[in-house]
Amino acid sequence: MGILWTLLIGFVAGLIAKFIVTGSGQPGGFVLTTILGVVGAFVASFLGQALGWYQPGEGAGLIGAVVGAVIVLLVWGAIARRRAV
């Protein structure tokens, strides 16, 4: 259930993060934004477990997943801008 919950939260977090992080170099497609949101949720879960905020097997909550998705989108934008130069 933990992975399914992380996928669902990541989907929602990706959509919210897309509205928070705007600008050029950001992924434009719905599917790619969703995938990056799910990756952000997994990053937030991993970091939260490493820092002791979450128990092993426990996924990140919505706020943590949104923060993780925003971080992933900002990194994605930085890489995209660097490649464009």
N, C-alpha and C. Protein backbone atom coordinates (compact mmCIF):
# COMPACT_ATOMS: atom_id res chain seq x y z
N MET A 1 0.82 -1.20 0.00
CA MET A 1 0.00 0.00 0.00
C MET A 1 0.86 1.25 0.00
N GLY A 2 2.08 1.18 0.56
CA GLY A 2 2.94 2.34 0.66
C GLY A 2 3.33 2.90 -0.70
N ILE A 3 3.67 2.01 -1.64
CA ILE A 3 4.08 2.48 -2.97
C ILE A 3 2.89 3.06 -3.72
N LEU A 4 1.72 2.43 -3.61
CA LEU A 4 0.53 2.97 -4.27
C LEU A 4 0.18 4.35 -3.72
N TRP A 5 0.29 4.50 -2.42
CA TRP A 5 0.01 5.79 -1.79
C TRP A 5 1.01 6.85 -2.28
N THR A 6 2.28 6.48 -2.37
CA THR A 6 3.30 7.40 -2.86
C THR A 6 3.03 7.79 -4.31
N LEU A 7 2.59 6.85 -5.13
CA LEU A 7 2.26 7.16 -6.52
C LEU A 7 1.09 8.14 -6.61
N LEU A 8 0.06 7.90 -5.82
CA LEU A 8 -1.10 8.78 -5.84
C LEU A 8 -0.74 10.18 -5.34
N ILE A 9 -0.03 10.24 -4.23
CA ILE A 9 0.39 11.52 -3.69
C ILE A 9 1.35 12.21 -4.66
N GLY A 10 2.23 11.46 -5.28
CA GLY A 10 3.16 12.02 -6.27
C GLY A 10 2.44 12.61 -7.46
N PHE A 11 1.38 11.95 -7.90
CA PHE A 11 0.58 12.46 -9.01
C PHE A 11 0.00 13.83 -8.66
N VAL A 12 -0.61 13.92 -7.51
CA VAL A 12 -1.21 15.19 -7.06
C VAL A 12 -0.12 16.23 -6.81
N ALA A 13 0.99 15.81 -6.21
CA ALA A 13 2.09 16.73 -5.92
C ALA A 13 2.70 17.28 -7.21
N GLY A 14 2.80 16.45 -8.23
CA GLY A 14 3.33 16.92 -9.53
C GLY A 14 2.45 18.00 -10.13
N LEU A 15 1.16 17.82 -10.03
CA LEU A 15 0.25 18.84 -10.55
C LEU A 15 0.35 20.15 -9.77
N ILE A 16 0.43 20.04 -8.45
CA ILE A 16 0.55 21.24 -7.61
C ILE A 16 1.89 21.92 -7.86
N ALA A 17 2.97 21.14 -7.95
CA ALA A 17 4.30 21.70 -8.18
C ALA A 17 4.38 22.41 -9.52
N LYS A 18 3.68 21.90 -10.51
CA LYS A 18 3.67 22.53 -11.84
C LYS A 18 3.08 23.93 -11.76
N PHE A 19 2.06 24.12 -10.91
CA PHE A 19 1.47 25.43 -10.75
C PHE A 19 2.37 26.35 -9.94
N ILE A 20 3.18 25.78 -9.03
CA ILE A 20 4.08 26.59 -8.21
C ILE A 20 5.30 27.02 -9.02
N VAL A 21 5.91 26.08 -9.73
CA VAL A 21 7.13 26.35 -10.50
C VAL A 21 6.73 26.58 -11.94
N THR A 22 6.84 27.82 -12.36
CA THR A 22 6.53 28.15 -13.74
C THR A 22 7.77 28.73 -14.40
N GLY A 23 7.76 28.78 -15.70
CA GLY A 23 8.87 29.38 -16.43
C GLY A 23 9.35 28.49 -17.54
N SER A 24 10.33 29.01 -18.27
CA SER A 24 10.87 28.26 -19.40
C SER A 24 11.75 27.13 -18.89
N GLY A 25 11.87 26.12 -19.69
CA GLY A 25 12.68 24.97 -19.32
C GLY A 25 11.95 23.95 -18.48
N GLN A 26 10.73 24.23 -18.10
CA GLN A 26 9.96 23.28 -17.31
C GLN A 26 9.26 22.31 -18.26
N PRO A 27 9.06 21.09 -17.80
CA PRO A 27 8.38 20.12 -18.66
C PRO A 27 6.96 20.59 -18.95
N GLY A 28 6.57 20.50 -20.21
CA GLY A 28 5.26 21.00 -20.59
C GLY A 28 4.18 19.94 -20.62
N GLY A 29 4.57 18.71 -20.74
CA GLY A 29 3.58 17.66 -20.86
C GLY A 29 3.01 17.20 -19.54
N PHE A 30 1.77 16.79 -19.59
CA PHE A 30 1.06 16.30 -18.40
C PHE A 30 1.73 15.05 -17.84
N VAL A 31 2.11 14.13 -18.72
CA VAL A 31 2.69 12.86 -18.28
C VAL A 31 4.05 13.10 -17.64
N LEU A 32 4.90 13.92 -18.27
CA LEU A 32 6.22 14.18 -17.72
C LEU A 32 6.14 14.91 -16.39
N THR A 33 5.23 15.85 -16.27
CA THR A 33 5.04 16.55 -15.00
C THR A 33 4.60 15.57 -13.91
N THR A 34 3.71 14.67 -14.26
CA THR A 34 3.25 13.66 -13.30
C THR A 34 4.39 12.75 -12.88
N ILE A 35 5.20 12.32 -13.83
CA ILE A 35 6.33 11.45 -13.52
C ILE A 35 7.31 12.17 -12.60
N LEU A 36 7.59 13.44 -12.88
CA LEU A 36 8.49 14.19 -12.01
C LEU A 36 7.89 14.39 -10.62
N GLY A 37 6.59 14.52 -10.54
CA GLY A 37 5.93 14.61 -9.24
C GLY A 37 6.06 13.32 -8.45
N VAL A 38 5.92 12.20 -9.13
CA VAL A 38 6.08 10.90 -8.47
C VAL A 38 7.52 10.73 -8.02
N VAL A 39 8.48 11.13 -8.86
CA VAL A 39 9.89 11.07 -8.47
C VAL A 39 10.12 11.96 -7.25
N GLY A 40 9.51 13.13 -7.23
CA GLY A 40 9.62 14.03 -6.09
C GLY A 40 9.06 13.41 -4.82
N ALA A 41 7.97 12.70 -4.94
CA ALA A 41 7.38 12.03 -3.78
C ALA A 41 8.30 10.94 -3.26
N PHE A 42 8.92 10.19 -4.17
CA PHE A 42 9.88 9.17 -3.74
C PHE A 42 11.11 9.81 -3.11
N VAL A 43 11.58 10.93 -3.67
CA VAL A 43 12.72 11.64 -3.08
C VAL A 43 12.36 12.13 -1.68
N ALA A 44 11.18 12.71 -1.52
CA ALA A 44 10.74 13.19 -0.21
C ALA A 44 10.61 12.04 0.78
N SER A 45 10.10 10.91 0.33
CA SER A 45 9.98 9.73 1.21
C SER A 45 11.35 9.24 1.65
N PHE A 46 12.28 9.16 0.70
CA PHE A 46 13.62 8.70 1.01
C PHE A 46 14.32 9.64 1.98
N LEU A 47 14.27 10.95 1.69
CA LEU A 47 14.92 11.91 2.57
C LEU A 47 14.26 11.95 3.94
N GLY A 48 12.94 11.87 3.98
CA GLY A 48 12.23 11.87 5.25
C GLY A 48 12.59 10.66 6.10
N GLN A 49 12.73 9.50 5.48
CA GLN A 49 13.12 8.29 6.21
C GLN A 49 14.58 8.39 6.66
N ALA A 50 15.44 8.97 5.82
CA ALA A 50 16.84 9.11 6.18
C ALA A 50 17.03 10.09 7.35
N LEU A 51 16.19 11.11 7.40
CA LEU A 51 16.28 12.10 8.48
C LEU A 51 15.48 11.72 9.71
N GLY A 52 14.74 10.62 9.63
CA GLY A 52 13.98 10.14 10.78
C GLY A 52 12.60 10.77 10.90
N TRP A 53 12.14 11.47 9.88
CA TRP A 53 10.81 12.10 9.92
C TRP A 53 9.73 11.07 9.67
N TYR A 54 10.03 10.05 8.86
CA TYR A 54 9.06 9.00 8.53
C TYR A 54 9.63 7.67 8.98
N GLN A 55 8.75 6.76 9.33
CA GLN A 55 9.14 5.40 9.69
C GLN A 55 9.47 4.63 8.41
N PRO A 56 10.27 3.55 8.52
CA PRO A 56 10.54 2.73 7.33
C PRO A 56 9.24 2.21 6.73
N GLY A 57 9.11 2.33 5.43
CA GLY A 57 7.91 1.91 4.74
C GLY A 57 6.82 2.96 4.68
N GLU A 58 7.00 4.06 5.38
CA GLU A 58 6.01 5.13 5.39
C GLU A 58 6.39 6.15 4.32
N GLY A 59 5.42 6.55 3.51
CA GLY A 59 5.67 7.51 2.45
C GLY A 59 5.50 8.95 2.93
N ALA A 60 5.95 9.85 2.10
CA ALA A 60 5.83 11.27 2.42
C ALA A 60 4.37 11.69 2.33
N GLY A 61 4.02 12.68 3.10
CA GLY A 61 2.69 13.26 3.01
C GLY A 61 2.61 14.21 1.83
N LEU A 62 1.48 14.82 1.66
CA LEU A 62 1.28 15.68 0.50
C LEU A 62 2.23 16.86 0.50
N ILE A 63 2.43 17.49 1.64
CA ILE A 63 3.31 18.66 1.68
C ILE A 63 4.75 18.27 1.38
N GLY A 64 5.21 17.18 1.97
CA GLY A 64 6.56 16.70 1.68
C GLY A 64 6.73 16.32 0.23
N ALA A 65 5.72 15.70 -0.35
CA ALA A 65 5.79 15.31 -1.76
C ALA A 65 5.80 16.53 -2.66
N VAL A 66 5.03 17.55 -2.31
CA VAL A 66 5.04 18.78 -3.11
C VAL A 66 6.42 19.44 -3.05
N VAL A 67 7.00 19.48 -1.86
CA VAL A 67 8.35 20.05 -1.72
C VAL A 67 9.35 19.24 -2.55
N GLY A 68 9.26 17.93 -2.48
CA GLY A 68 10.15 17.08 -3.29
C GLY A 68 9.93 17.29 -4.77
N ALA A 69 8.69 17.42 -5.20
CA ALA A 69 8.39 17.64 -6.61
C ALA A 69 8.89 19.00 -7.07
N VAL A 70 8.76 20.02 -6.22
CA VAL A 70 9.27 21.35 -6.57
C VAL A 70 10.78 21.29 -6.73
N ILE A 71 11.46 20.59 -5.83
CA ILE A 71 12.91 20.45 -5.94
C ILE A 71 13.29 19.76 -7.24
N VAL A 72 12.60 18.68 -7.58
CA VAL A 72 12.88 17.96 -8.82
C VAL A 72 12.62 18.86 -10.03
N LEU A 73 11.54 19.62 -10.02
CA LEU A 73 11.25 20.52 -11.15
C LEU A 73 12.28 21.63 -11.27
N LEU A 74 12.76 22.15 -10.15
CA LEU A 74 13.81 23.18 -10.21
C LEU A 74 15.12 22.62 -10.75
N VAL A 75 15.46 21.41 -10.33
CA VAL A 75 16.66 20.76 -10.88
C VAL A 75 16.49 20.50 -12.36
N TRP A 76 15.32 20.04 -12.76
CA TRP A 76 15.02 19.80 -14.17
C TRP A 76 15.18 21.09 -14.97
N GLY A 77 14.65 22.20 -14.45
CA GLY A 77 14.75 23.48 -15.14
C GLY A 77 16.19 23.96 -15.26
N ALA A 78 16.97 23.74 -14.22
CA ALA A 78 18.39 24.14 -14.26
C ALA A 78 19.15 23.33 -15.30
N ILE A 79 18.87 22.05 -15.38
CA ILE A 79 19.53 21.20 -16.38
C ILE A 79 19.10 21.59 -17.78
N ALA A 80 17.81 21.87 -17.96
CA ALA A 80 17.30 22.25 -19.27
C ALA A 80 17.90 23.58 -19.74
N ARG A 81 18.03 24.53 -18.82
CA ARG A 81 18.64 25.82 -19.19
C ARG A 81 20.11 25.65 -19.54
N ARG A 82 20.79 24.78 -18.82
CA ARG A 82 22.21 24.55 -19.07
C ARG A 82 22.44 23.90 -20.43
N ARG A 83 21.55 23.01 -20.80
CA ARG A 83 21.67 22.33 -22.10
C ARG A 83 21.34 23.28 -23.25
N ALA A 84 20.50 24.27 -23.00
CA ALA A 84 20.09 25.20 -24.06
C ALA A 84 21.21 26.18 -24.40
N VAL A 85 22.12 26.38 -23.48
CA VAL A 85 23.19 27.36 -23.71
C VAL A 85 24.27 26.81 -24.57
